Amino acid sequence: MKGRKRKPIAVREREGNPGKRKLTDPISLLPGAPEKPADLPPAGSKLWDDLVTALTTAGILEQVDAAAFTALCVQWGRAEQARAVIREQGCFALGSMGQLVAHPAVGMERDAHAMLLRFAEQYGLTAAARARIGVAGTGAAAAGEAKLASVIDLTPRLVDDD
């Protein structure tokens, strides 16, 4: 789909539906929390435990979202695994000619964070996504934001604080 992302129905209703187009009711396919996969990485499993209840209560996460939410948690687990490797081995490695190059885990961490943020946007777990749907600072969304902020720290670290 090209162009601008569609506005959620709640936002269009709040704005008075200036286009006067017919607004469809949001559908709920399979309400309730999805089942947690057994093979999630440890950090991804913790993220699942921390967020699934808040997102389900807010009506954002349903059983049909299991695959996408699993992918979000897997990406967080991969980012944390790469971060552990970087912490242990450093940001640089020796290249084939003896020169310093970025450690492969740096790229893995960057890619996992990029994918994580793409998935997180789907569940209103970024400030931009919440602003787009107009729920920043309200009820369950604020609770989900606070929980995400306490679990995910994407702040770049120049010096290890261990």
Protein backbone atom coordinates (compact mmCIF):
# COMPACT_ATOMS: atom_id res chain seq x y z
CA MET A 1 0.00 0.00 0.00
CA LYS A 2 1.51 3.29 -1.09
CA GLY A 3 0.98 6.68 0.41
CA ARG A 4 -0.02 7.75 3.86
CA LYS A 5 -1.11 5.22 6.47
CA ARG A 6 -4.84 5.11 7.12
CA LYS A 7 -6.11 6.91 10.17
CA PRO A 8 -7.71 4.70 12.76
CA ILE A 9 -11.51 4.93 12.88
CA ALA A 10 -11.46 6.40 16.39
CA VAL A 11 -9.36 9.33 15.15
CA ARG A 12 -11.62 9.92 12.17
CA GLU A 13 -14.68 9.91 14.44
CA ARG A 14 -13.01 12.33 16.83
CA GLU A 15 -12.22 14.69 13.94
CA GLY A 16 -15.85 14.60 12.84
CA ASN A 17 -15.22 12.51 9.72
CA PRO A 18 -14.54 15.49 7.42
CA GLY A 19 -14.59 13.29 4.29
CA LYS A 20 -18.07 12.01 5.23
CA ARG A 21 -17.04 8.52 4.16
CA LYS A 22 -18.71 5.54 5.70
CA LEU A 23 -16.83 4.41 8.81
CA THR A 24 -16.62 0.69 9.38
CA ASP A 25 -16.66 -0.79 12.84
CA PRO A 26 -13.38 -2.36 13.92
CA ILE A 27 -13.62 -6.13 13.97
CA SER A 28 -12.43 -8.40 16.72
CA LEU A 29 -11.42 -11.78 15.34
CA LEU A 30 -10.28 -13.79 18.34
CA PRO A 31 -10.29 -11.76 21.56
CA GLY A 32 -7.97 -12.77 24.35
CA ALA A 33 -4.26 -13.13 24.80
CA PRO A 34 -2.26 -15.22 22.34
CA GLU A 35 -0.41 -18.24 23.69
CA LYS A 36 3.28 -17.67 24.37
CA PRO A 37 5.60 -19.83 22.25
CA ALA A 38 7.91 -22.08 24.25
CA ASP A 39 10.98 -21.36 22.11
CA LEU A 40 11.29 -17.59 22.62
CA PRO A 41 14.74 -16.34 23.62
CA PRO A 42 14.91 -15.44 27.34
CA ALA A 43 14.76 -11.65 26.78
CA GLY A 44 11.91 -12.09 24.30
CA SER A 45 10.04 -14.28 26.77
CA LYS A 46 10.37 -11.62 29.47
CA LEU A 47 9.13 -8.94 27.05
CA TRP A 48 6.14 -11.15 26.20
CA ASP A 49 5.30 -11.59 29.89
CA ASP A 50 5.65 -7.86 30.56
CA LEU A 51 3.53 -6.60 27.65
CA VAL A 52 0.92 -9.18 26.67
CA THR A 53 -1.47 -8.48 29.56
CA ALA A 54 -1.39 -4.69 29.12
CA LEU A 55 -1.89 -4.91 25.35
CA THR A 56 -4.68 -7.48 25.64
CA THR A 57 -6.46 -5.40 28.28
CA ALA A 58 -6.20 -2.34 26.03
CA GLY A 59 -7.82 -4.33 23.21
CA ILE A 60 -4.72 -3.97 21.02
CA LEU A 61 -3.51 -7.57 21.10
CA GLU A 62 -5.65 -10.57 20.18
CA GLN A 63 -5.00 -14.24 19.52
CA VAL A 64 -4.66 -13.64 15.77
CA ASP A 65 -1.71 -11.35 16.48
CA ALA A 66 0.39 -14.23 17.83
CA ALA A 67 2.75 -14.42 14.83
CA ALA A 68 3.49 -10.69 14.65
CA PHE A 69 3.85 -10.33 18.42
CA THR A 70 6.11 -13.38 18.50
CA ALA A 71 8.27 -11.76 15.80
CA LEU A 72 8.49 -8.59 17.91
CA CYS A 73 9.65 -10.59 20.94
CA VAL A 74 12.13 -12.65 18.88
CA GLN A 75 13.69 -9.45 17.52
CA TRP A 76 14.07 -8.09 21.05
CA GLY A 77 15.70 -11.37 22.09
CA ARG A 78 18.13 -11.19 19.15
CA ALA A 79 19.00 -7.59 19.92
CA GLU A 80 19.75 -8.52 23.52
CA GLN A 81 21.86 -11.52 22.43
CA ALA A 82 23.88 -9.29 20.10
CA ARG A 83 24.24 -6.71 22.86
CA ALA A 84 25.66 -9.37 25.19
CA VAL A 85 28.22 -10.39 22.54
CA ILE A 86 29.22 -6.74 22.03
CA ARG A 87 29.54 -6.24 25.78
CA GLU A 88 31.82 -9.28 25.99
CA GLN A 89 33.86 -8.89 22.79
CA GLY A 90 33.65 -5.17 22.04
CA CYS A 91 32.37 -3.22 19.03
CA PHE A 92 35.32 -4.01 16.78
CA ALA A 93 36.88 -7.12 15.28
CA LEU A 94 39.86 -7.74 13.04
CA GLY A 95 39.12 -7.89 9.33
CA SER A 96 40.68 -10.26 6.80
CA MET A 97 43.66 -7.92 6.31
CA GLY A 98 44.17 -7.20 10.01
CA GLN A 99 42.25 -3.92 9.97
CA LEU A 100 39.63 -2.96 12.53
CA VAL A 101 36.06 -3.48 11.34
CA ALA A 102 32.72 -3.31 13.08
CA HIS A 103 31.93 -6.50 14.97
CA PRO A 104 29.21 -8.50 13.12
CA ALA A 105 27.06 -8.37 16.26
CA VAL A 106 26.82 -4.57 15.87
CA GLY A 107 24.97 -5.04 12.58
CA MET A 108 22.82 -7.80 14.05
CA GLU A 109 21.83 -5.55 16.94
CA ARG A 110 21.05 -2.64 14.58
CA ASP A 111 18.93 -4.82 12.28
CA ALA A 112 17.06 -6.40 15.20
CA HIS A 113 16.29 -2.97 16.65
CA ALA A 114 15.04 -1.73 13.27
CA MET A 115 12.72 -4.72 12.94
CA LEU A 116 11.64 -4.43 16.57
CA LEU A 117 10.60 -0.82 16.04
CA ARG A 118 8.64 -1.74 12.90
CA PHE A 119 6.69 -4.37 14.83
CA ALA A 120 6.34 -2.14 17.90
CA GLU A 121 4.65 0.53 15.78
CA GLN A 122 1.86 -1.93 14.98
CA TYR A 123 0.97 -2.19 18.67
CA GLY A 124 1.27 1.50 19.56
CA LEU A 125 4.51 0.87 21.45
CA THR A 126 6.31 3.91 20.06
CA ALA A 127 5.61 7.57 20.73
CA ALA A 128 5.00 8.23 17.02
CA ALA A 129 2.49 5.39 16.73
CA ARG A 130 0.59 6.60 19.78
CA ALA A 131 0.54 10.17 18.47
CA ARG A 132 -0.78 8.94 15.12
CA ILE A 133 -3.70 7.18 16.75
CA GLY A 134 -4.19 9.88 19.37
CA VAL A 135 -3.84 7.79 22.53
CA ALA A 136 -0.65 9.21 24.03
CA GLY A 137 -0.90 9.40 27.79
CA THR A 138 -4.28 7.72 28.15
CA GLY A 139 -5.19 4.75 30.33
CA ALA A 140 -3.99 1.39 29.08
CA ALA A 141 -1.80 2.97 26.40
CA ALA A 142 0.13 4.92 29.04
CA ALA A 143 0.46 1.76 31.13
CA GLY A 144 1.79 -0.11 28.09
CA GLU A 145 4.20 2.74 27.35
CA ALA A 146 5.52 2.81 30.91
CA LYS A 147 5.95 -0.96 30.95
CA LEU A 148 7.74 -0.90 27.57
CA ALA A 149 10.03 1.91 28.73
CA SER A 150 10.95 -0.07 31.83
CA VAL A 151 11.70 -3.22 29.81
CA ILE A 152 13.31 -1.85 26.67
CA ASP A 153 16.25 0.49 26.93
CA LEU A 154 17.33 1.40 23.41
CA THR A 155 19.56 4.21 24.66
CA PRO A 156 22.94 3.90 22.97
CA ARG A 157 25.65 3.03 25.43
CA LEU A 158 29.13 4.37 24.79
CA VAL A 159 30.52 2.99 28.05
CA ASP A 160 29.39 -0.22 29.71
CA ASP A 161 27.79 0.42 33.06
CA ASP A 162 28.45 -3.11 34.36
